[in-house]
Amino acid sequence: MSTPAFTADEAQAVHRAIRERRDMRHFAGGEVAPELLRRLLEAAHHAPSVGFMQPWRFIRVRDAALRRQLHALVEQERVRTAQALGEREDAFMRLKVEGLLDAAELIAVTLADGREHHVFGRRTLPQMDLASAACAIQNLWLAARVEGLGMGWVSLFDPAQVASLLGLPAGAEPIALLCLGPVHGFYDEPMLQRERWAQRAPLASLVFDDRWGTASALFDASEKKETP
Protein backbone atom coordinates (compact mmCIF):
# COMPACT_ATOMS: atom_id res chain seq x y z
CA MET A 1 0.00 0.00 0.00
CA SER A 2 1.15 3.55 -0.67
CA THR A 3 1.85 6.00 2.14
CA PRO A 4 -1.19 8.01 3.26
CA ALA A 5 0.20 11.48 2.58
CA PHE A 6 2.63 13.09 0.15
CA THR A 7 5.73 14.86 1.37
CA ALA A 8 5.43 18.61 1.86
CA ASP A 9 7.22 19.30 -1.44
CA GLU A 10 5.03 16.82 -3.32
CA ALA A 11 1.87 18.32 -1.86
CA GLN A 12 3.05 21.82 -2.73
CA ALA A 13 3.64 20.74 -6.34
CA VAL A 14 0.14 19.27 -6.61
CA HIS A 15 -1.47 22.41 -5.24
CA ARG A 16 0.68 24.58 -7.49
CA ALA A 17 -0.54 22.69 -10.56
CA ILE A 18 -4.13 23.20 -9.44
CA ARG A 19 -3.67 26.92 -8.81
CA GLU A 20 -1.69 27.62 -11.98
CA ARG A 21 -3.72 25.55 -14.43
CA ARG A 22 -5.29 27.87 -16.97
CA ASP A 23 -7.84 27.54 -19.77
CA MET A 24 -5.43 28.62 -22.50
CA ARG A 25 -6.43 30.30 -25.77
CA HIS A 26 -3.07 31.52 -27.05
CA PHE A 27 -0.68 28.85 -28.36
CA ALA A 28 2.82 28.91 -29.81
CA GLY A 29 2.53 26.14 -32.39
CA GLY A 30 5.33 23.61 -32.07
CA GLU A 31 4.66 19.97 -31.29
CA VAL A 32 4.07 17.54 -28.45
CA ALA A 33 6.38 14.54 -28.46
CA PRO A 34 4.48 11.24 -28.86
CA GLU A 35 5.80 9.81 -25.59
CA LEU A 36 4.68 12.94 -23.75
CA LEU A 37 1.23 12.85 -25.34
CA ARG A 38 0.88 9.20 -24.36
CA ARG A 39 1.85 10.14 -20.78
CA LEU A 40 -0.79 12.88 -20.68
CA LEU A 41 -3.48 10.58 -22.02
CA GLU A 42 -2.45 7.96 -19.49
CA ALA A 43 -3.04 10.56 -16.76
CA ALA A 44 -6.48 11.24 -18.22
CA HIS A 45 -7.26 7.52 -18.32
CA HIS A 46 -6.45 7.23 -14.60
CA ALA A 47 -9.38 9.50 -13.71
CA PRO A 48 -12.13 8.18 -11.45
CA SER A 49 -15.37 7.13 -13.10
CA VAL A 50 -18.74 6.17 -11.67
CA GLY A 51 -19.12 2.40 -11.68
CA PHE A 52 -15.65 2.27 -13.28
CA MET A 53 -17.42 2.82 -16.60
CA GLN A 54 -14.55 4.80 -18.20
CA PRO A 55 -16.85 6.66 -20.62
CA TRP A 56 -14.13 8.79 -22.22
CA ARG A 57 -12.90 8.34 -25.75
CA PHE A 58 -10.15 10.48 -27.30
CA ILE A 59 -9.80 11.32 -30.98
CA ARG A 60 -6.52 12.93 -31.98
CA VAL A 61 -7.26 15.22 -34.93
CA ARG A 62 -4.20 15.01 -37.18
CA ASP A 63 -5.73 15.89 -40.55
CA ALA A 64 -5.30 19.62 -41.27
CA ALA A 65 -8.46 19.80 -43.39
CA LEU A 66 -10.52 18.19 -40.62
CA ARG A 67 -9.10 20.65 -38.12
CA ARG A 68 -10.15 23.54 -40.35
CA GLN A 69 -13.66 22.09 -40.65
CA LEU A 70 -13.93 21.85 -36.87
CA HIS A 71 -12.66 25.41 -36.58
CA ALA A 72 -15.38 26.57 -38.97
CA LEU A 73 -18.05 24.92 -36.82
CA VAL A 74 -16.65 26.59 -33.70
CA GLU A 75 -16.64 29.95 -35.45
CA GLN A 76 -20.29 29.51 -36.44
CA GLU A 77 -21.24 28.80 -32.84
CA ARG A 78 -19.09 31.68 -31.57
CA VAL A 79 -21.19 34.10 -33.64
CA ARG A 80 -24.46 32.52 -32.50
CA THR A 81 -23.36 32.62 -28.87
CA ALA A 82 -22.45 36.29 -29.20
CA GLN A 83 -25.88 37.06 -30.64
CA ALA A 84 -27.55 35.20 -27.77
CA LEU A 85 -25.66 37.34 -25.22
CA GLY A 86 -27.53 40.49 -26.18
CA GLU A 87 -25.82 43.57 -24.80
CA ARG A 88 -22.59 41.66 -24.19
CA GLU A 89 -22.32 40.58 -27.85
CA ASP A 90 -19.55 43.03 -28.78
CA ALA A 91 -17.53 42.27 -25.64
CA PHE A 92 -17.77 38.54 -26.32
CA MET A 93 -16.67 38.93 -29.94
CA ARG A 94 -13.51 40.67 -28.73
CA LEU A 95 -12.54 37.65 -26.64
CA LYS A 96 -10.26 34.94 -28.01
CA VAL A 97 -12.21 31.80 -27.24
CA GLU A 98 -10.26 29.04 -28.98
CA GLY A 99 -6.89 28.04 -30.44
CA LEU A 100 -7.84 25.23 -32.81
CA LEU A 101 -5.57 26.36 -35.63
CA ASP A 102 -2.64 27.38 -33.42
CA ALA A 103 -2.27 24.53 -30.92
CA ALA A 104 0.18 21.71 -31.54
CA GLU A 105 -2.48 19.08 -30.86
CA LEU A 106 -6.26 19.00 -31.13
CA ILE A 107 -8.00 16.24 -29.21
CA ALA A 108 -11.73 15.62 -29.32
CA VAL A 109 -13.19 14.04 -26.21
CA THR A 110 -16.40 12.09 -26.61
CA LEU A 111 -18.67 10.03 -24.43
CA ALA A 112 -18.72 6.39 -25.54
CA ASP A 113 -21.68 4.70 -27.13
CA GLY A 114 -23.48 2.05 -25.07
CA ARG A 115 -23.39 4.12 -21.89
CA GLU A 116 -26.99 3.22 -21.11
CA HIS A 117 -25.81 -0.26 -20.14
CA HIS A 118 -23.88 1.18 -17.17
CA VAL A 119 -26.43 1.37 -14.35
CA PHE A 120 -24.08 1.37 -11.34
CA GLY A 121 -24.20 4.92 -9.97
CA ARG A 122 -26.28 6.20 -12.90
CA ARG A 123 -29.78 4.86 -12.33
CA THR A 124 -30.96 8.17 -10.87
CA LEU A 125 -28.07 10.33 -12.11
CA PRO A 126 -27.39 9.36 -15.73
CA GLN A 127 -25.29 12.51 -16.21
CA MET A 128 -22.51 10.91 -14.17
CA ASP A 129 -21.01 9.71 -17.46
CA LEU A 130 -20.34 13.36 -18.30
CA ALA A 131 -19.04 14.04 -14.80
CA SER A 132 -16.64 11.11 -15.10
CA ALA A 133 -15.34 12.27 -18.48
CA ALA A 134 -14.83 15.76 -17.03
CA CYS A 135 -12.57 14.20 -14.39
CA ALA A 136 -10.45 12.70 -17.19
CA ILE A 137 -10.19 16.11 -18.85
CA GLN A 138 -9.14 17.71 -15.57
CA ASN A 139 -6.45 15.05 -15.10
CA LEU A 140 -5.16 15.78 -18.59
CA TRP A 141 -5.21 19.52 -17.88
CA LEU A 142 -3.21 19.23 -14.68
CA ALA A 143 -0.72 16.82 -16.22
CA ALA A 144 -0.23 19.18 -19.16
CA ARG A 145 0.45 22.10 -16.81
CA VAL A 146 3.02 20.06 -14.91
CA GLU A 147 4.78 19.38 -18.23
CA GLY A 148 4.71 23.09 -19.16
CA LEU A 149 2.04 22.69 -21.84
CA GLY A 150 -1.12 24.74 -22.16
CA MET A 151 -4.59 23.34 -22.72
CA GLY A 152 -7.92 24.93 -23.57
CA TRP A 153 -11.37 23.34 -23.47
CA VAL A 154 -13.56 24.45 -26.38
CA SER A 155 -17.28 23.67 -26.17
CA LEU A 156 -18.60 26.14 -28.73
CA PHE A 157 -19.94 23.68 -31.30
CA ASP A 158 -23.03 21.82 -32.38
CA PRO A 159 -22.57 18.24 -31.06
CA ALA A 160 -24.39 16.62 -33.99
CA GLN A 161 -22.21 18.40 -36.56
CA VAL A 162 -19.00 17.47 -34.76
CA ALA A 163 -20.19 13.89 -34.34
CA SER A 164 -20.75 13.70 -38.08
CA LEU A 165 -17.30 15.08 -38.92
CA LEU A 166 -15.62 12.65 -36.54
CA GLY A 167 -17.64 9.64 -37.66
CA LEU A 168 -19.00 8.85 -34.20
CA PRO A 169 -21.24 5.82 -33.81
CA ALA A 170 -24.85 6.27 -32.74
CA GLY A 171 -25.03 7.08 -29.03
CA ALA A 172 -21.54 8.58 -28.79
CA GLU A 173 -21.43 12.29 -27.99
CA PRO A 174 -18.65 14.90 -28.31
CA ILE A 175 -18.17 17.05 -25.22
CA ALA A 176 -14.87 18.86 -25.80
CA LEU A 177 -12.33 19.98 -28.35
CA LEU A 178 -9.07 20.25 -26.44
CA CYS A 179 -6.35 22.55 -27.76
CA LEU A 180 -3.02 21.35 -26.38
CA GLY A 181 0.58 22.41 -26.82
CA PRO A 182 3.37 24.87 -26.08
CA VAL A 183 2.37 28.40 -25.11
CA HIS A 184 4.33 31.64 -24.93
CA GLY A 185 3.36 31.95 -21.26
CA PHE A 186 0.59 31.13 -18.82
CA TYR A 187 -1.92 33.76 -17.79
CA ASP A 188 -1.33 35.13 -14.29
CA GLU A 189 -5.07 34.78 -13.66
CA PRO A 190 -7.95 33.17 -15.54
CA MET A 191 -8.28 34.88 -18.91
CA LEU A 192 -11.95 35.71 -18.48
CA GLN A 193 -11.17 37.27 -15.12
CA ARG A 194 -8.30 39.25 -16.64
CA GLU A 195 -10.65 40.47 -19.36
CA ARG A 196 -13.22 41.44 -16.70
CA TRP A 197 -15.79 39.03 -18.12
CA ALA A 198 -16.32 37.37 -14.74
CA GLN A 199 -14.67 37.10 -11.34
CA ARG A 200 -13.98 34.11 -9.12
CA ALA A 201 -16.69 33.88 -6.46
CA PRO A 202 -15.62 33.90 -2.79
CA LEU A 203 -15.45 30.30 -1.59
CA ALA A 204 -17.36 31.19 1.57
CA SER A 205 -20.37 32.12 -0.55
CA LEU A 206 -20.47 28.62 -2.08
CA VAL A 207 -20.09 26.39 1.01
CA PHE A 208 -23.04 25.70 3.32
CA ASP A 209 -23.60 23.68 6.49
CA ASP A 210 -26.52 21.23 6.60
CA ARG A 211 -28.92 23.28 4.47
CA TRP A 212 -28.70 25.45 1.35
CA GLY A 213 -27.94 29.03 2.30
CA THR A 214 -26.71 28.29 5.82
CA ALA A 215 -23.27 29.88 6.02
CA SER A 216 -20.53 27.38 6.86
CA ALA A 217 -18.68 27.55 10.15
CA LEU A 218 -15.48 26.93 8.17
CA PHE A 219 -15.24 30.62 7.39
CA ASP A 220 -14.94 33.83 9.38
CA ALA A 221 -17.89 36.18 9.37
CA SER A 222 -15.92 38.62 7.23
CA GLU A 223 -15.62 35.99 4.49
CA LYS A 224 -19.30 35.09 4.41
CA LYS A 225 -21.64 36.67 1.92
CA GLU A 226 -25.43 36.53 1.84
CA THR A 227 -26.45 33.93 -0.73
CA PRO A 228 -29.76 34.27 -2.62
C-alpha atoms as a PDB file:
ATOM      1  CA  MET A   1       0.000   0.000   0.000  1.00  0.00           C
ATOM      2  CA  SER A   2       1.147   3.554  -0.668  1.00  0.00           C
ATOM      3  CA  THR A   3       1.851   5.995   2.141  1.00  0.00           C
ATOM      4  CA  PRO A   4      -1.190   8.012   3.264  1.00  0.00           C
ATOM      5  CA  ALA A   5       0.197  11.483   2.581  1.00  0.00           C
ATOM      6  CA  PHE A   6       2.630  13.091   0.153  1.00  0.00           C
ATOM      7  CA  THR A   7       5.725  14.860   1.366  1.00  0.00           C
ATOM      8  CA  ALA A   8       5.431  18.609   1.862  1.00  0.00           C
ATOM      9  CA  ASP A   9       7.224  19.295  -1.435  1.00  0.00           C
ATOM     10  CA  GLU A  10       5.033  16.816  -3.317  1.00  0.00           C
ATOM     11  CA  ALA A  11       1.875  18.316  -1.858  1.00  0.00           C
ATOM     12  CA  GLN A  12       3.046  21.819  -2.731  1.00  0.00           C
ATOM     13  CA  ALA A  13       3.645  20.740  -6.338  1.00  0.00           C
ATOM     14  CA  VAL A  14       0.140  19.272  -6.612  1.00  0.00           C
ATOM     15  CA  HIS A  15      -1.469  22.410  -5.243  1.00  0.00           C
ATOM     16  CA  ARG A  16       0.680  24.585  -7.490  1.00  0.00           C
ATOM     17  CA  ALA A  17      -0.538  22.687 -10.557  1.00  0.00           C
ATOM     18  CA  ILE A  18      -4.131  23.199  -9.438  1.00  0.00           C
ATOM     19  CA  ARG A  19      -3.667  26.922  -8.807  1.00  0.00           C
ATOM     20  CA  GLU A  20      -1.685  27.624 -11.977  1.00  0.00           C
ATOM     21  CA  ARG A  21      -3.719  25.551 -14.430  1.00  0.00           C
ATOM     22  CA  ARG A  22      -5.291  27.868 -16.973  1.00  0.00           C
ATOM     23  CA  ASP A  23      -7.840  27.545 -19.769  1.00  0.00           C
ATOM     24  CA  MET A  24      -5.435  28.621 -22.502  1.00  0.00           C
ATOM     25  CA  ARG A  25      -6.433  30.303 -25.765  1.00  0.00           C
ATOM     26  CA  HIS A  26      -3.069  31.517 -27.046  1.00  0.00           C
ATOM     27  CA  PHE A  27      -0.678  28.853 -28.356  1.00  0.00           C
ATOM     28  CA  ALA A  28       2.822  28.907 -29.808  1.00  0.00           C
ATOM     29  CA  GLY A  29       2.530  26.140 -32.395  1.00  0.00           C
ATOM     30  CA  GLY A  30       5.329  23.607 -32.071  1.00  0.00           C
ATOM     31  CA  GLU A  31       4.658  19.968 -31.286  1.00  0.00           C
ATOM     32  CA  VAL A  32       4.067  17.539 -28.454  1.00  0.00           C
ATOM     33  CA  ALA A  33       6.375  14.541 -28.456  1.00  0.00           C
ATOM     34  CA  PRO A  34       4.481  11.243 -28.859  1.00  0.00           C
ATOM     35  CA  GLU A  35       5.799   9.805 -25.589  1.00  0.00           C
ATOM     36  CA  LEU A  36       4.676  12.943 -23.750  1.00  0.00           C
ATOM     37  CA  LEU A  37       1.234  12.851 -25.342  1.00  0.00           C
ATOM     38  CA  ARG A  38       0.880   9.198 -24.358  1.00  0.00           C
ATOM     39  CA  ARG A  39       1.849  10.138 -20.785  1.00  0.00           C
ATOM     40  CA  LEU A  40      -0.786  12.876 -20.678  1.00  0.00           C
ATOM     41  CA  LEU A  41      -3.482  10.579 -22.024  1.00  0.00           C
ATOM     42  CA  GLU A  42      -2.450   7.961 -19.486  1.00  0.00           C
ATOM     43  CA  ALA A  43      -3.041  10.557 -16.757  1.00  0.00           C
ATOM     44  CA  ALA A  44      -6.481  11.245 -18.220  1.00  0.00           C
ATOM     45  CA  HIS A  45      -7.257   7.519 -18.321  1.00  0.00           C
ATOM     46  CA  HIS A  46      -6.454   7.227 -14.604  1.00  0.00           C
ATOM     47  CA  ALA A  47      -9.379   9.499 -13.715  1.00  0.00           C
ATOM     48  CA  PRO A  48     -12.127   8.177 -11.454  1.00  0.00           C
ATOM     49  CA  SER A  49     -15.373   7.129 -13.101  1.00  0.00           C
ATOM     50  CA  VAL A  50     -18.741   6.174 -11.674  1.00  0.00           C
ATOM     51  CA  GLY A  51     -19.124   2.400 -11.682  1.00  0.00           C
ATOM     52  CA  PHE A  52     -15.652   2.269 -13.277  1.00  0.00           C
ATOM     53  CA  MET A  53     -17.424   2.821 -16.599  1.00  0.00           C
ATOM     54  CA  GLN A  54     -14.552   4.800 -18.202  1.00  0.00           C
ATOM     55  CA  PRO A  55     -16.853   6.658 -20.625  1.00  0.00           C
ATOM     56  CA  TRP A  56     -14.129   8.788 -22.223  1.00  0.00           C
ATOM     57  CA  ARG A  57     -12.895   8.336 -25.753  1.00  0.00           C
ATOM     58  CA  PHE A  58     -10.150  10.478 -27.302  1.00  0.00           C
ATOM     59  CA  ILE A  59      -9.801  11.320 -30.984  1.00  0.00           C
ATOM     60  CA  ARG A  60      -6.519  12.934 -31.981  1.00  0.00           C
ATOM     61  CA  VAL A  61      -7.260  15.220 -34.932  1.00  0.00           C
ATOM     62  CA  ARG A  62      -4.205  15.012 -37.180  1.00  0.00           C
ATOM     63  CA  ASP A  63      -5.733  15.895 -40.550  1.00  0.00           C
ATOM     64  CA  ALA A  64      -5.302  19.619 -41.273  1.00  0.00           C
ATOM     65  CA  ALA A  65      -8.461  19.803 -43.391  1.00  0.00           C
ATOM     66  CA  LEU A  66     -10.524  18.193 -40.621  1.00  0.00           C
ATOM     67  CA  ARG A  67      -9.101  20.648 -38.123  1.00  0.00           C
ATOM     68  CA  ARG A  68     -10.151  23.543 -40.352  1.00  0.00           C
ATOM     69  CA  GLN A  69     -13.656  22.090 -40.654  1.00  0.00           C
ATOM     70  CA  LEU A  70     -13.933  21.846 -36.874  1.00  0.00           C
ATOM     71  CA  HIS A  71     -12.659  25.409 -36.576  1.00  0.00           C
ATOM     72  CA  ALA A  72     -15.383  26.574 -38.972  1.00  0.00           C
ATOM     73  CA  LEU A  73     -18.055  24.916 -36.815  1.00  0.00           C
ATOM     74  CA  VAL A  74     -16.651  26.588 -33.701  1.00  0.00           C
ATOM     75  CA  GLU A  75     -16.643  29.953 -35.455  1.00  0.00           C
ATOM     76  CA  GLN A  76     -20.291  29.509 -36.439  1.00  0.00           C
ATOM     77  CA  GLU A  77     -21.242  28.803 -32.837  1.00  0.00           C
ATOM     78  CA  ARG A  78     -19.089  31.676 -31.574  1.00  0.00           C
ATOM     79  CA  VAL A  79     -21.188  34.102 -33.638  1.00  0.00           C
ATOM     80  CA  ARG A  80     -24.462  32.521 -32.502  1.00  0.00           C
ATOM     81  CA  THR A  81     -23.362  32.624 -28.874  1.00  0.00           C
ATOM     82  CA  ALA A  82     -22.448  36.295 -29.199  1.00  0.00           C
ATOM     83  CA  GLN A  83     -25.876  37.064 -30.643  1.00  0.00           C
ATOM     84  CA  ALA A  84     -27.550  35.203 -27.769  1.00  0.00           C
ATOM     85  CA  LEU A  85     -25.661  37.338 -25.222  1.00  0.00           C
ATOM     86  CA  GLY A  86     -27.531  40.486 -26.180  1.00  0.00           C
ATOM     87  CA  GLU A  87     -25.824  43.574 -24.798  1.00  0.00           C
ATOM     88  CA  ARG A  88     -22.595  41.656 -24.192  1.00  0.00           C
ATOM     89  CA  GLU A  89     -22.315  40.584 -27.845  1.00  0.00           C
ATOM     90  CA  ASP A  90     -19.551  43.026 -28.777  1.00  0.00           C
ATOM     91  CA  ALA A  91     -17.534  42.271 -25.641  1.00  0.00           C
ATOM     92  CA  PHE A  92     -17.773  38.540 -26.316  1.00  0.00           C
ATOM     93  CA  MET A  93     -16.671  38.926 -29.935  1.00  0.00           C
ATOM     94  CA  ARG A  94     -13.505  40.674 -28.731  1.00  0.00           C
ATOM     95  CA  LEU A  95     -12.538  37.648 -26.645  1.00  0.00           C
ATOM     96  CA  LYS A  96     -10.261  34.942 -28.009  1.00  0.00           C
ATOM     97  CA  VAL A  97     -12.209  31.796 -27.239  1.00  0.00           C
ATOM     98  CA  GLU A  98     -10.255  29.039 -28.980  1.00  0.00           C
ATOM     99  CA  GLY A  99      -6.893  28.044 -30.435  1.00  0.00           C
ATOM    100  CA  LEU A 100      -7.841  25.232 -32.805  1.00  0.00           C
ATOM    101  CA  LEU A 101      -5.574  26.365 -35.631  1.00  0.00           C
ATOM    102  CA  ASP A 102      -2.641  27.376 -33.422  1.00  0.00           C
ATOM    103  CA  ALA A 103      -2.268  24.532 -30.923  1.00  0.00           C
ATOM    104  CA  ALA A 104       0.175  21.710 -31.542  1.00  0.00           C
ATOM    105  CA  GLU A 105      -2.481  19.082 -30.864  1.00  0.00           C
ATOM    106  CA  LEU A 106      -6.261  19.000 -31.133  1.00  0.00           C
ATOM    107  CA  ILE A 107      -8.001  16.236 -29.214  1.00  0.00           C
ATOM    108  CA  ALA A 108     -11.730  15.620 -29.322  1.00  0.00           C
ATOM    109  CA  VAL A 109     -13.188  14.042 -26.206  1.00  0.00           C
ATOM    110  CA  THR A 110     -16.397  12.088 -26.606  1.00  0.00           C
ATOM    111  CA  LEU A 111     -18.674  10.025 -24.433  1.00  0.00           C
ATOM    112  CA  ALA A 112     -18.721   6.395 -25.538  1.00  0.00           C
ATOM    113  CA  ASP A 113     -21.679   4.701 -27.131  1.00  0.00           C
ATOM    114  CA  GLY A 114     -23.484   2.048 -25.072  1.00  0.00           C
ATOM    115  CA  ARG A 115     -23.385   4.123 -21.888  1.00  0.00           C
ATOM    116  CA  GLU A 116     -26.987   3.216 -21.114  1.00  0.00           C
ATOM    117  CA  HIS A 117     -25.812  -0.258 -20.136  1.00  0.00           C
ATOM    118  CA  HIS A 118     -23.877   1.178 -17.167  1.00  0.00           C
ATOM    119  CA  VAL A 119     -26.432   1.365 -14.355  1.00  0.00           C
ATOM    120  CA  PHE A 120     -24.076   1.365 -11.337  1.00  0.00           C
ATOM    121  CA  GLY A 121     -24.201   4.917  -9.972  1.00  0.00           C
ATOM    122  CA  ARG A 122     -26.280   6.195 -12.905  1.00  0.00           C
ATOM    123  CA  ARG A 123     -29.780   4.858 -12.328  1.00  0.00           C
ATOM    124  CA  THR A 124     -30.960   8.166 -10.871  1.00  0.00           C
ATOM    125  CA  LEU A 125     -28.069  10.329 -12.108  1.00  0.00           C
ATOM    126  CA  PRO A 126     -27.394   9.360 -15.727  1.00  0.00           C
ATOM    127  CA  GLN A 127     -25.291  12.511 -16.208  1.00  0.00           C
ATOM    128  CA  MET A 128     -22.513  10.908 -14.168  1.00  0.00           C
ATOM    129  CA  ASP A 129     -21.014   9.709 -17.455  1.00  0.00           C
ATOM    130  CA  LEU A 130     -20.340  13.356 -18.297  1.00  0.00           C
ATOM    131  CA  ALA A 131     -19.044  14.038 -14.796  1.00  0.00           C
ATOM    132  CA  SER A 132     -16.643  11.107 -15.098  1.00  0.00           C
ATOM    133  CA  ALA A 133     -15.335  12.269 -18.479  1.00  0.00           C
ATOM    134  CA  ALA A 134     -14.829  15.759 -17.026  1.00  0.00           C
ATOM    135  CA  CYS A 135     -12.572  14.196 -14.386  1.00  0.00           C
ATOM    136  CA  ALA A 136     -10.448  12.705 -17.190  1.00  0.00           C
ATOM    137  CA  ILE A 137     -10.195  16.114 -18.851  1.00  0.00           C
ATOM    138  CA  GLN A 138      -9.136  17.714 -15.572  1.00  0.00           C
ATOM    139  CA  ASN A 139      -6.451  15.050 -15.100  1.00  0.00           C
ATOM    140  CA  LEU A 140      -5.156  15.784 -18.594  1.00  0.00           C
ATOM    141  CA  TRP A 141      -5.210  19.520 -17.885  1.00  0.00           C
ATOM    142  CA  LEU A 142      -3.205  19.232 -14.683  1.00  0.00           C
ATOM    143  CA  ALA A 143      -0.717  16.820 -16.218  1.00  0.00           C
ATOM    144  CA  ALA A 144      -0.228  19.178 -19.164  1.00  0.00           C
ATOM    145  CA  ARG A 145       0.446  22.098 -16.807  1.00  0.00           C
ATOM    146  CA  VAL A 146       3.024  20.055 -14.910  1.00  0.00           C
ATOM    147  CA  GLU A 147       4.777  19.377 -18.230  1.00  0.00           C
ATOM    148  CA  GLY A 148       4.711  23.087 -19.161  1.00  0.00           C
ATOM    149  CA  LEU A 149       2.037  22.691 -21.838  1.00  0.00           C
ATOM    150  CA  GLY A 150      -1.121  24.740 -22.158  1.00  0.00           C
ATOM    151  CA  MET A 151      -4.586  23.340 -22.725  1.00  0.00           C
ATOM    152  CA  GLY A 152      -7.924  24.926 -23.569  1.00  0.00           C
ATOM    153  CA  TRP A 153     -11.372  23.336 -23.471  1.00  0.00           C
ATOM    154  CA  VAL A 154     -13.556  24.448 -26.381  1.00  0.00           C
ATOM    155  CA  SER A 155     -17.277  23.674 -26.166  1.00  0.00           C
ATOM    156  CA  LEU A 156     -18.595  26.142 -28.731  1.00  0.00           C
ATOM    157  CA  PHE A 157     -19.941  23.682 -31.296  1.00  0.00           C
ATOM    158  CA  ASP A 158     -23.025  21.819 -32.377  1.00  0.00           C
ATOM    159  CA  PRO A 159     -22.568  18.242 -31.063  1.00  0.00           C
ATOM    160  CA  ALA A 160     -24.387  16.620 -33.985  1.00  0.00           C
ATOM    161  CA  GLN A 161     -22.208  18.400 -36.564  1.00  0.00           C
ATOM    162  CA  VAL A 162     -18.995  17.475 -34.757  1.00  0.00           C
ATOM    163  CA  ALA A 163     -20.187  13.892 -34.338  1.00  0.00           C
ATOM    164  CA  SER A 164     -20.754  13.704 -38.084  1.00  0.00           C
ATOM    165  CA  LEU A 165     -17.304  15.084 -38.918  1.00  0.00           C
ATOM    166  CA  LEU A 166     -15.621  12.649 -36.543  1.00  0.00           C
ATOM    167  CA  GLY A 167     -17.640   9.642 -37.659  1.00  0.00           C
ATOM    168  CA  LEU A 168     -18.999   8.854 -34.204  1.00  0.00           C
ATOM    169  CA  PRO A 169     -21.242   5.818 -33.809  1.00  0.00           C
ATOM    170  CA  ALA A 170     -24.852   6.268 -32.735  1.00  0.00           C
ATOM    171  CA  GLY A 171     -25.032   7.079 -29.031  1.00  0.00           C
ATOM    172  CA  ALA A 172     -21.544   8.575 -28.786  1.00  0.00           C
ATOM    173  CA  GLU A 173     -21.434  12.295 -27.995  1.00  0.00           C
ATOM    174  CA  PRO A 174     -18.649  14.904 -28.315  1.00  0.00           C
ATOM    175  CA  ILE A 175     -18.169  17.052 -25.219  1.00  0.00           C
ATOM    176  CA  ALA A 176     -14.873  18.862 -25.796  1.00  0.00           C
ATOM    177  CA  LEU A 177     -12.332  19.979 -28.349  1.00  0.00           C
ATOM    178  CA  LEU A 178      -9.075  20.249 -26.439  1.00  0.00           C
ATOM    179  CA  CYS A 179      -6.347  22.545 -27.760  1.00  0.00           C
ATOM    180  CA  LEU A 180      -3.021  21.350 -26.377  1.00  0.00           C
ATOM    181  CA  GLY A 181       0.584  22.406 -26.821  1.00  0.00           C
ATOM    182  CA  PRO A 182       3.370  24.874 -26.078  1.00  0.00           C
ATOM    183  CA  VAL A 183       2.370  28.400 -25.112  1.00  0.00           C
ATOM    184  CA  HIS A 184       4.329  31.641 -24.926  1.00  0.00           C
ATOM    185  CA  GLY A 185       3.362  31.951 -21.263  1.00  0.00           C
ATOM    186  CA  PHE A 186       0.586  31.127 -18.822  1.00  0.00           C
ATOM    187  CA  TYR A 187      -1.925  33.757 -17.787  1.00  0.00           C
ATOM    188  CA  ASP A 188      -1.331  35.134 -14.288  1.00  0.00           C
ATOM    189  CA  GLU A 189      -5.066  34.782 -13.659  1.00  0.00           C
ATOM    190  CA  PRO A 190      -7.947  33.169 -15.540  1.00  0.00           C
ATOM    191  CA  MET A 191      -8.276  34.877 -18.910  1.00  0.00           C
ATOM    192  CA  LEU A 192     -11.952  35.714 -18.477  1.00  0.00           C
ATOM    193  CA  GLN A 193     -11.170  37.274 -15.122  1.00  0.00           C
ATOM    194  CA  ARG A 194      -8.299  39.252 -16.635  1.00  0.00           C
ATOM    195  CA  GLU A 195     -10.654  40.465 -19.363  1.00  0.00           C
ATOM    196  CA  ARG A 196     -13.218  41.440 -16.699  1.00  0.00           C
ATOM    197  CA  TRP A 197     -15.785  39.034 -18.125  1.00  0.00           C
ATOM    198  CA  ALA A 198     -16.323  37.373 -14.743  1.00  0.00           C
ATOM    199  CA  GLN A 199     -14.672  37.100 -11.337  1.00  0.00           C
ATOM    200  CA  ARG A 200     -13.977  34.107  -9.116  1.00  0.00           C
ATOM    201  CA  ALA A 201     -16.687  33.876  -6.457  1.00  0.00           C
ATOM    202  CA  PRO A 202     -15.619  33.905  -2.787  1.00  0.00           C
ATOM    203  CA  LEU A 203     -15.448  30.295  -1.590  1.00  0.00           C
ATOM    204  CA  ALA A 204     -17.363  31.190   1.573  1.00  0.00           C
ATOM    205  CA  SER A 205     -20.374  32.118  -0.555  1.00  0.00           C
ATOM    206  CA  LEU A 206     -20.470  28.618  -2.079  1.00  0.00           C
ATOM    207  CA  VAL A 207     -20.087  26.391   1.008  1.00  0.00           C
ATOM    208  CA  PHE A 208     -23.044  25.700   3.321  1.00  0.00           C
ATOM    209  CA  ASP A 209     -23.600  23.676   6.491  1.00  0.00           C
ATOM    210  CA  ASP A 210     -26.519  21.228   6.597  1.00  0.00           C
ATOM    211  CA  ARG A 211     -28.922  23.280   4.470  1.00  0.00           C
ATOM    212  CA  TRP A 212     -28.700  25.447   1.349  1.00  0.00           C
ATOM    213  CA  GLY A 213     -27.944  29.033   2.299  1.00  0.00           C
ATOM    214  CA  THR A 214     -26.706  28.288   5.823  1.00  0.00           C
ATOM    215  CA  ALA A 215     -23.266  29.883   6.016  1.00  0.00           C
ATOM    216  CA  SER A 216     -20.530  27.378   6.861  1.00  0.00           C
ATOM    217  CA  ALA A 217     -18.679  27.546  10.150  1.00  0.00           C
ATOM    218  CA  LEU A 218     -15.482  26.928   8.174  1.00  0.00           C
ATOM    219  CA  PHE A 219     -15.236  30.622   7.387  1.00  0.00           C
ATOM    220  CA  ASP A 220     -14.937  33.828   9.383  1.00  0.00           C
ATOM    221  CA  ALA A 221     -17.892  36.179   9.372  1.00  0.00           C
ATOM    222  CA  SER A 222     -15.915  38.624   7.231  1.00  0.00           C
ATOM    223  CA  GLU A 223     -15.619  35.993   4.490  1.00  0.00           C
ATOM    224  CA  LYS A 224     -19.303  35.094   4.414  1.00  0.00           C
ATOM    225  CA  LYS A 225     -21.636  36.675   1.921  1.00  0.00           C
ATOM    226  CA  GLU A 226     -25.426  36.534   1.837  1.00  0.00           C
ATOM    227  CA  THR A 227     -26.453  33.931  -0.732  1.00  0.00           C
ATOM    228  CA  PRO A 228     -29.761  34.273  -2.624  1.00  0.00           C
END
